[in-house]
Amino acid sequence: MIRRLLVPYLMGQRRDGLLNVASLDDKPWTVISTPEADAVAIADKNLQLRSMGRIYALLAQQVRDAAAGGEIPLSISGDCVSSMGMLAGLQQAGREPQRLLWLDAHGDFHTWATTQTQYLGGMPLAMLVGRPDRRQEQRDSIAAMRAAVGARPYPEQRIVLSDARDLDPGEDEALRASAIVHCGLDEVLGHLSPNETLYVHFDTDVLDESQRMPALKYHVPGGPDLEQMAALFTHLRGYRVVAVSVSSWHGEQDAGGAAARACLDLLKVLLPG
């Protein structure tokens, strides 16, 4: 059984365009939301992190209950930081995965020491492994968010990152110095074992599909197309997938539902039934 969880937020800010997923699918979706996180715009980074802490704590509860009951949690959210709630729920259920596959056009491995934009969306993988918040004279708000969600840092050596073709200065050095495996899409299966439990995180911007999916965020040329991703997902059906999270497209720009439908089709390849 699959528990489908829809998280209509981007960096703690409400994004109702993502709710279109539920109307396009023939399966039921549980919407994760709270009246405490209804703002559509939050300028302060610390306030964004607090909002994400509230939202992803709720996601973690759903994931924990699903995993404990033998279900596979599947989430679609507006950002990659949702992976914190997914991992927390798996850990709380005693089902921490033995391997994490992170599919993304970007490294998501910035910290405050390397970022030039201060965009939290460039930091999720660093957050997940416990890289510290190094802003001078400020509290460690990332650790505070992790505590609010109930997640423990995940071991770097268990992560396979693909394809991360767009890395920023500083981020690339940090990634090379880490224990994370960084490889191309055609090398992914060589770093995974069918005997290990696997959590798949899929940022849709890993796809090079600006024509068929114009609502994709942060398009980077040179990546895999839908057919290549479907081929990988077909192989992964034989693996012990325990959870899947998706970082979505611009829901408000997906008026015709092309991105949502393409994503749902891919998920049905990875998790049939």
Protein backbone atom coordinates (compact mmCIF):
# COMPACT_ATOMS: atom_id res chain seq x y z
CA MET A 1 0.00 0.00 0.00
CA ILE A 2 1.08 3.56 -0.72
CA ARG A 3 0.22 6.55 1.46
CA ARG A 4 0.13 9.62 -0.78
CA LEU A 5 0.96 12.90 0.95
CA LEU A 6 0.62 16.32 -0.66
CA VAL A 7 2.51 19.22 0.94
CA PRO A 8 1.48 22.52 -0.74
CA TYR A 9 4.33 24.65 0.56
CA LEU A 10 7.56 26.16 -0.78
CA MET A 11 10.12 27.12 1.87
CA GLY A 12 7.36 27.27 4.48
CA GLN A 13 5.14 29.44 2.25
CA ARG A 14 1.72 28.27 1.08
CA ARG A 15 1.45 27.25 -2.59
CA ASP A 16 -2.08 26.05 -3.37
CA GLY A 17 -1.32 25.46 -7.05
CA LEU A 18 0.18 22.14 -6.05
CA LEU A 19 -3.24 20.92 -4.93
CA ASN A 20 -3.94 20.30 -8.62
CA VAL A 21 -2.14 16.97 -8.21
CA ALA A 22 -5.01 15.54 -6.18
CA SER A 23 -7.58 16.52 -8.79
CA LEU A 24 -5.58 14.92 -11.63
CA ASP A 25 -4.86 11.60 -9.94
CA ASP A 26 -7.30 8.74 -9.48
CA LYS A 27 -5.83 7.89 -6.06
CA PRO A 28 -6.56 9.70 -2.77
CA TRP A 29 -4.03 12.19 -1.41
CA THR A 30 -3.73 13.44 2.17
CA VAL A 31 -3.00 17.19 2.26
CA ILE A 32 -0.49 18.28 4.92
CA SER A 33 -1.34 21.76 6.17
CA THR A 34 -1.77 23.84 9.29
CA PRO A 35 -3.41 27.23 10.01
CA GLU A 36 -0.11 28.24 11.60
CA ALA A 37 1.55 28.18 8.18
CA ASP A 38 -0.80 30.05 5.85
CA ALA A 39 1.51 32.88 4.77
CA VAL A 40 2.26 32.99 1.04
CA ALA A 41 5.38 35.14 1.52
CA ILE A 42 7.93 35.07 4.38
CA ALA A 43 11.01 37.23 3.92
CA ASP A 44 12.96 36.32 7.05
CA LYS A 45 14.98 33.09 6.70
CA ASN A 46 14.63 32.13 10.36
CA LEU A 47 10.86 32.52 10.14
CA GLN A 48 10.85 30.36 7.01
CA LEU A 49 12.75 27.65 8.88
CA ARG A 50 10.29 27.79 11.78
CA SER A 51 7.36 27.47 9.38
CA MET A 52 9.05 24.51 7.68
CA GLY A 53 9.63 22.95 11.09
CA ARG A 54 5.89 23.03 11.81
CA ILE A 55 4.90 21.69 8.39
CA TYR A 56 7.48 18.92 8.17
CA ALA A 57 6.77 17.78 11.72
CA LEU A 58 3.23 17.05 10.51
CA LEU A 59 4.65 15.28 7.46
CA ALA A 60 6.92 13.22 9.72
CA GLN A 61 3.90 12.05 11.74
CA GLN A 62 2.15 10.80 8.62
CA VAL A 63 5.32 9.10 7.35
CA ARG A 64 5.94 7.49 10.75
CA ASP A 65 2.42 6.07 10.88
CA ALA A 66 2.58 4.86 7.29
CA ALA A 67 5.98 3.19 7.66
CA ALA A 68 5.06 1.61 10.99
CA GLY A 69 1.95 0.17 9.35
CA GLY A 70 3.84 -1.35 6.44
CA GLU A 71 2.85 1.32 3.91
CA ILE A 72 5.20 3.16 1.53
CA PRO A 73 4.98 6.93 2.12
CA LEU A 74 5.02 9.03 -1.05
CA SER A 75 5.09 12.82 -0.83
CA ILE A 76 4.94 15.66 -3.33
CA SER A 77 6.07 19.00 -1.94
CA GLY A 78 7.17 22.39 -3.20
CA ASP A 79 10.80 21.99 -2.09
CA CYS A 80 13.53 19.50 -1.24
CA VAL A 81 13.58 20.39 2.47
CA SER A 82 10.50 18.17 2.73
CA SER A 83 13.00 15.30 2.74
CA MET A 84 13.67 16.24 6.38
CA GLY A 85 10.10 15.32 7.31
CA MET A 86 10.28 12.12 5.28
CA LEU A 87 13.52 11.00 6.90
CA ALA A 88 12.29 11.93 10.38
CA GLY A 89 9.16 9.85 9.96
CA LEU A 90 11.14 6.83 8.77
CA GLN A 91 13.57 7.19 11.68
CA GLN A 92 10.76 7.53 14.20
CA ALA A 93 9.19 4.34 12.85
CA GLY A 94 12.51 2.50 13.17
CA ARG A 95 12.74 2.28 9.35
CA GLU A 96 15.71 4.50 8.52
CA PRO A 97 16.73 3.52 4.96
CA GLN A 98 20.07 1.91 4.29
CA ARG A 99 20.54 4.05 1.18
CA LEU A 100 19.27 7.41 -0.07
CA LEU A 101 19.12 8.19 -3.79
CA TRP A 102 18.93 11.95 -4.42
CA LEU A 103 17.98 12.87 -8.01
CA ASP A 104 18.52 16.57 -8.69
CA ALA A 105 20.01 18.95 -11.25
CA HIS A 106 21.68 20.74 -8.33
CA GLY A 107 23.85 19.64 -5.44
CA ASP A 108 21.65 21.17 -2.72
CA PHE A 109 24.83 21.12 -0.64
CA HIS A 110 25.28 24.78 0.24
CA THR A 111 25.69 26.00 3.79
CA TRP A 112 25.73 29.58 5.04
CA ALA A 113 29.51 29.39 4.60
CA THR A 114 29.23 28.84 0.80
CA THR A 115 25.93 30.32 -0.35
CA GLN A 116 25.92 33.62 -2.21
CA THR A 117 22.14 33.83 -2.54
CA GLN A 118 21.11 32.75 1.00
CA TYR A 119 18.42 30.63 -0.66
CA LEU A 120 17.38 27.80 1.67
CA GLY A 121 16.44 25.69 -1.35
CA GLY A 122 20.14 25.29 -2.08
CA MET A 123 20.83 23.67 1.31
CA PRO A 124 18.55 20.64 1.85
CA LEU A 125 21.10 17.87 1.37
CA ALA A 126 23.57 19.67 3.64
CA MET A 127 20.78 20.03 6.20
CA LEU A 128 19.94 16.34 5.94
CA VAL A 129 23.46 15.20 6.78
CA GLY A 130 23.82 17.67 9.64
CA ARG A 131 26.11 20.33 8.19
CA PRO A 132 26.01 23.20 10.72
CA ASP A 133 24.47 26.65 10.41
CA ARG A 134 27.56 28.88 10.56
CA ARG A 135 26.09 32.37 10.46
CA GLN A 136 27.97 34.50 12.92
CA GLU A 137 26.23 35.62 16.11
CA GLN A 138 22.97 33.84 15.28
CA ARG A 139 21.34 30.76 16.73
CA ASP A 140 21.59 27.52 14.78
CA SER A 141 18.11 27.74 13.28
CA ILE A 142 18.70 24.77 10.96
CA ALA A 143 19.45 22.51 13.93
CA ALA A 144 16.37 23.95 15.64
CA MET A 145 14.24 23.04 12.62
CA ARG A 146 15.72 19.53 12.56
CA ALA A 147 14.85 19.14 16.24
CA ALA A 148 11.30 20.40 15.66
CA VAL A 149 10.81 17.87 12.89
CA GLY A 150 12.45 15.11 14.91
CA ALA A 151 15.15 14.11 12.43
CA ARG A 152 18.66 12.82 13.07
CA PRO A 153 21.47 13.61 10.60
CA TYR A 154 21.79 10.96 7.90
CA PRO A 155 25.24 9.40 7.15
CA GLU A 156 26.86 10.95 4.08
CA GLN A 157 28.38 7.67 2.90
CA ARG A 158 24.92 6.20 2.38
CA ILE A 159 23.86 8.88 -0.14
CA VAL A 160 24.00 8.57 -3.93
CA LEU A 161 23.57 11.95 -5.65
CA SER A 162 22.70 12.08 -9.37
CA ASP A 163 23.15 14.00 -11.55
CA ALA A 164 23.85 17.39 -9.89
CA ARG A 165 25.12 18.84 -13.16
CA ASP A 166 24.82 22.43 -11.89
CA LEU A 167 27.11 23.05 -8.91
CA ASP A 168 28.11 26.46 -7.54
CA PRO A 169 31.62 27.50 -6.44
CA GLY A 170 32.20 26.36 -2.88
CA GLU A 171 29.37 23.88 -3.09
CA ASP A 172 31.35 21.76 -5.54
CA GLU A 173 34.36 21.70 -3.22
CA ALA A 174 32.23 20.77 -0.22
CA LEU A 175 30.62 17.95 -2.16
CA ARG A 176 33.97 16.55 -3.35
CA ALA A 177 35.27 16.60 0.23
CA SER A 178 32.19 14.76 1.52
CA ALA A 179 31.51 11.02 1.60
CA ILE A 180 28.54 11.38 -0.76
CA VAL A 181 28.70 9.39 -4.02
CA HIS A 182 28.18 11.75 -6.96
CA CYS A 183 27.48 10.05 -10.27
CA GLY A 184 25.65 10.25 -13.58
CA LEU A 185 22.21 8.77 -14.08
CA ASP A 186 23.63 5.84 -16.03
CA GLU A 187 25.86 4.96 -13.06
CA VAL A 188 23.21 5.00 -10.33
CA LEU A 189 22.43 1.28 -10.29
CA GLY A 190 26.11 0.46 -9.84
CA HIS A 191 26.00 2.18 -6.45
CA LEU A 192 22.79 0.57 -5.19
CA SER A 193 21.94 -2.94 -4.01
CA PRO A 194 18.54 -4.62 -4.35
CA ASN A 195 19.10 -6.02 -0.86
CA GLU A 196 19.22 -2.58 0.78
CA THR A 197 16.23 -0.50 1.78
CA LEU A 198 16.07 2.61 -0.40
CA TYR A 199 14.57 6.08 -0.04
CA VAL A 200 14.27 7.91 -3.36
CA HIS A 201 14.16 11.70 -3.44
CA PHE A 202 13.26 13.06 -6.88
CA ASP A 203 13.57 16.77 -7.65
CA THR A 204 11.73 17.20 -10.94
CA ASP A 205 14.25 19.83 -12.06
CA VAL A 206 16.69 16.97 -12.72
CA LEU A 207 14.72 16.52 -15.94
CA ASP A 208 15.65 18.40 -19.11
CA GLU A 209 12.06 18.85 -20.23
CA SER A 210 11.45 22.55 -20.77
CA GLN A 211 9.16 21.86 -23.74
CA ARG A 212 6.97 19.07 -22.39
CA MET A 213 7.05 20.39 -18.80
CA PRO A 214 7.38 24.19 -19.05
CA ALA A 215 6.42 24.66 -15.38
CA LEU A 216 9.63 23.01 -14.17
CA LYS A 217 11.74 25.12 -11.81
CA TYR A 218 15.36 26.13 -12.36
CA HIS A 219 15.80 24.51 -15.76
CA VAL A 220 19.34 23.29 -16.46
CA PRO A 221 20.11 21.94 -19.96
CA GLY A 222 21.85 18.63 -20.47
CA GLY A 223 19.87 16.40 -18.13
CA PRO A 224 17.81 13.25 -18.60
CA ASP A 225 14.43 13.24 -20.30
CA LEU A 226 11.24 11.58 -19.14
CA GLU A 227 12.01 8.34 -20.94
CA GLN A 228 15.44 8.01 -19.33
CA MET A 229 13.98 8.63 -15.88
CA ALA A 230 11.23 6.11 -16.54
CA ALA A 231 13.87 3.54 -17.50
CA LEU A 232 15.69 4.09 -14.20
CA PHE A 233 12.44 3.90 -12.24
CA THR A 234 11.57 0.65 -14.02
CA HIS A 235 14.83 -0.88 -12.75
CA LEU A 236 14.22 0.46 -9.23
CA ARG A 237 10.89 -1.36 -9.03
CA GLY A 238 12.95 -4.42 -8.15
CA TYR A 239 14.57 -2.65 -5.20
CA ARG A 240 13.34 -2.35 -1.62
CA VAL A 241 11.93 1.17 -1.94
CA VAL A 242 10.61 2.27 1.46
CA ALA A 243 9.78 5.91 0.69
CA VAL A 244 9.65 8.39 -2.18
CA SER A 245 9.59 12.19 -2.03
CA VAL A 246 9.17 14.60 -4.91
CA SER A 247 10.17 18.25 -5.11
CA SER A 248 7.75 19.75 -7.56
CA TRP A 249 7.39 22.21 -10.39
CA HIS A 250 5.80 25.69 -10.22
CA GLY A 251 2.24 24.59 -9.43
CA GLU A 252 0.75 27.99 -10.24
CA GLN A 253 2.34 27.89 -13.71
CA ASP A 254 1.17 24.36 -14.54
CA ALA A 255 -2.24 25.49 -15.78
CA GLY A 256 -2.70 22.55 -18.17
CA GLY A 257 -1.34 20.04 -15.68
CA ALA A 258 1.44 18.82 -17.99
CA ALA A 259 4.08 18.69 -15.25
CA ALA A 260 1.73 17.10 -12.73
CA ARG A 261 0.62 14.41 -15.16
CA ALA A 262 4.16 13.60 -16.26
CA CYS A 263 5.28 13.30 -12.64
CA LEU A 264 2.33 11.10 -11.70
CA ASP A 265 3.07 8.84 -14.66
CA LEU A 266 6.69 8.46 -13.53
CA LEU A 267 5.61 7.66 -9.99
CA LYS A 268 3.32 4.93 -11.27
CA VAL A 269 6.37 3.37 -12.96
CA LEU A 270 8.39 3.47 -9.74
CA LEU A 271 5.53 2.48 -7.42
CA PRO A 272 2.98 0.49 -9.41
CA GLY A 273 -0.29 0.15 -7.57
